[in-house]
């Protein structure tokens, strides 16, 4: 039996914990129908990361790469909401 890559993923180096205000703002962005797709995607990445998902799991759920997920996780960890802007 081949192991599932999600089961082999190492723990994230940049664990995300959100304040209530950050969570509210990210949820608002993630639900927005008229926001640019990339902003919605970044908000979802951070919300899933805060929920304890690995980069590989998030990437599979959002149809992107683990590298992209890791980049936005790191930027949020270092710069908070400002880090998600272009």
C-alpha atoms as a PDB file:
ATOM      1  CA  UNK A   1       0.000   0.000   0.000  1.00  0.00           C
ATOM      2  CA  UNK A   2       1.327   3.444  -0.953  1.00  0.00           C
ATOM      3  CA  UNK A   3       1.287   5.971   1.899  1.00  0.00           C
ATOM      4  CA  UNK A   4      -0.836   9.087   1.511  1.00  0.00           C
ATOM      5  CA  UNK A   5       1.430  12.175   1.096  1.00  0.00           C
ATOM      6  CA  UNK A   6      -0.820  14.077   3.514  1.00  0.00           C
ATOM      7  CA  UNK A   7      -0.016  11.531   6.217  1.00  0.00           C
ATOM      8  CA  UNK A   8       3.721  12.039   5.696  1.00  0.00           C
ATOM      9  CA  UNK A   9       3.697  15.856   5.765  1.00  0.00           C
ATOM     10  CA  UNK A  10       5.888  17.405   8.418  1.00  0.00           C
ATOM     11  CA  UNK A  11       4.419  19.908  10.852  1.00  0.00           C
ATOM     12  CA  UNK A  12       4.331  23.491   9.599  1.00  0.00           C
ATOM     13  CA  UNK A  13       7.252  25.641  10.647  1.00  0.00           C
ATOM     14  CA  UNK A  14       4.945  28.651  10.861  1.00  0.00           C
ATOM     15  CA  UNK A  15       2.011  27.684  13.071  1.00  0.00           C
ATOM     16  CA  UNK A  16      -0.869  30.121  12.657  1.00  0.00           C
ATOM     17  CA  UNK A  17      -2.950  31.372  15.569  1.00  0.00           C
ATOM     18  CA  UNK A  18      -5.556  34.021  14.828  1.00  0.00           C
ATOM     19  CA  UNK A  19      -6.995  36.770  16.962  1.00  0.00           C
ATOM     20  CA  UNK A  20     -10.763  37.137  16.859  1.00  0.00           C
ATOM     21  CA  UNK A  21     -10.403  40.249  14.713  1.00  0.00           C
ATOM     22  CA  UNK A  22      -8.081  38.505  12.233  1.00  0.00           C
ATOM     23  CA  UNK A  23     -10.396  35.506  11.976  1.00  0.00           C
ATOM     24  CA  UNK A  24     -13.406  37.745  11.325  1.00  0.00           C
ATOM     25  CA  UNK A  25     -11.585  39.679   8.613  1.00  0.00           C
ATOM     26  CA  UNK A  26     -10.263  36.528   6.916  1.00  0.00           C
ATOM     27  CA  UNK A  27     -13.700  34.888   6.989  1.00  0.00           C
ATOM     28  CA  UNK A  28     -15.228  38.023   5.465  1.00  0.00           C
ATOM     29  CA  UNK A  29     -12.649  37.997   2.660  1.00  0.00           C
ATOM     30  CA  UNK A  30     -13.000  34.228   2.099  1.00  0.00           C
ATOM     31  CA  UNK A  31     -16.782  34.604   1.610  1.00  0.00           C
ATOM     32  CA  UNK A  32     -16.579  37.675  -0.630  1.00  0.00           C
ATOM     33  CA  UNK A  33     -17.978  37.200  -4.104  1.00  0.00           C
ATOM     34  CA  UNK A  34     -16.616  40.426  -5.542  1.00  0.00           C
ATOM     35  CA  UNK A  35     -13.054  40.303  -4.196  1.00  0.00           C
ATOM     36  CA  UNK A  36     -10.173  39.277  -6.458  1.00  0.00           C
ATOM     37  CA  UNK A  37      -9.742  35.493  -6.525  1.00  0.00           C
ATOM     38  CA  UNK A  38      -6.170  35.681  -5.205  1.00  0.00           C
ATOM     39  CA  UNK A  39      -7.311  37.558  -2.070  1.00  0.00           C
ATOM     40  CA  UNK A  40     -10.012  34.977  -1.393  1.00  0.00           C
ATOM     41  CA  UNK A  41      -7.519  32.135  -1.934  1.00  0.00           C
ATOM     42  CA  UNK A  42      -4.975  33.662   0.462  1.00  0.00           C
ATOM     43  CA  UNK A  43      -7.612  34.147   3.159  1.00  0.00           C
ATOM     44  CA  UNK A  44      -8.699  30.527   2.799  1.00  0.00           C
ATOM     45  CA  UNK A  45      -5.090  29.334   3.006  1.00  0.00           C
ATOM     46  CA  UNK A  46      -4.596  31.137   6.321  1.00  0.00           C
ATOM     47  CA  UNK A  47      -7.923  29.974   7.736  1.00  0.00           C
ATOM     48  CA  UNK A  48      -7.143  26.346   6.903  1.00  0.00           C
ATOM     49  CA  UNK A  49      -3.634  26.758   8.326  1.00  0.00           C
ATOM     50  CA  UNK A  50      -5.102  28.150  11.549  1.00  0.00           C
ATOM     51  CA  UNK A  51      -7.338  25.087  11.647  1.00  0.00           C
ATOM     52  CA  UNK A  52      -4.256  22.868  11.816  1.00  0.00           C
ATOM     53  CA  UNK A  53      -4.133  21.621   8.229  1.00  0.00           C
ATOM     54  CA  UNK A  54      -0.749  20.948   6.623  1.00  0.00           C
ATOM     55  CA  UNK A  55       0.440  22.773   3.521  1.00  0.00           C
ATOM     56  CA  UNK A  56      -0.105  19.602   1.474  1.00  0.00           C
ATOM     57  CA  UNK A  57      -3.689  19.213   2.734  1.00  0.00           C
ATOM     58  CA  UNK A  58      -4.482  22.867   2.054  1.00  0.00           C
ATOM     59  CA  UNK A  59      -2.937  22.676  -1.412  1.00  0.00           C
ATOM     60  CA  UNK A  60      -5.043  19.631  -2.274  1.00  0.00           C
ATOM     61  CA  UNK A  61      -8.209  21.282  -0.997  1.00  0.00           C
ATOM     62  CA  UNK A  62      -7.580  24.534  -2.899  1.00  0.00           C
ATOM     63  CA  UNK A  63      -6.055  22.984  -6.036  1.00  0.00           C
ATOM     64  CA  UNK A  64      -2.714  24.746  -5.727  1.00  0.00           C
ATOM     65  CA  UNK A  65       0.826  23.768  -4.739  1.00  0.00           C
ATOM     66  CA  UNK A  66       2.200  23.245  -1.249  1.00  0.00           C
ATOM     67  CA  UNK A  67       4.892  25.803  -2.100  1.00  0.00           C
ATOM     68  CA  UNK A  68       2.298  28.502  -2.709  1.00  0.00           C
ATOM     69  CA  UNK A  69       0.518  27.595   0.526  1.00  0.00           C
ATOM     70  CA  UNK A  70       3.803  27.718   2.429  1.00  0.00           C
ATOM     71  CA  UNK A  71       4.627  31.132   0.979  1.00  0.00           C
ATOM     72  CA  UNK A  72       1.336  32.688   2.169  1.00  0.00           C
ATOM     73  CA  UNK A  73       1.470  30.903   5.519  1.00  0.00           C
ATOM     74  CA  UNK A  74       4.952  32.343   6.106  1.00  0.00           C
ATOM     75  CA  UNK A  75       3.986  35.843   4.969  1.00  0.00           C
ATOM     76  CA  UNK A  76       0.965  35.857   7.258  1.00  0.00           C
ATOM     77  CA  UNK A  77       3.065  34.523  10.157  1.00  0.00           C
ATOM     78  CA  UNK A  78       5.632  37.289   9.668  1.00  0.00           C
ATOM     79  CA  UNK A  79       3.423  40.231   8.630  1.00  0.00           C
ATOM     80  CA  UNK A  80      -0.121  39.233   9.671  1.00  0.00           C
ATOM     81  CA  UNK A  81      -2.943  40.638   7.474  1.00  0.00           C
ATOM     82  CA  UNK A  82      -0.596  43.143   5.802  1.00  0.00           C
ATOM     83  CA  UNK A  83       1.438  40.204   4.458  1.00  0.00           C
ATOM     84  CA  UNK A  84      -1.478  38.976   2.332  1.00  0.00           C
ATOM     85  CA  UNK A  85      -1.535  42.112   0.216  1.00  0.00           C
ATOM     86  CA  UNK A  86       0.303  42.453  -3.086  1.00  0.00           C
END
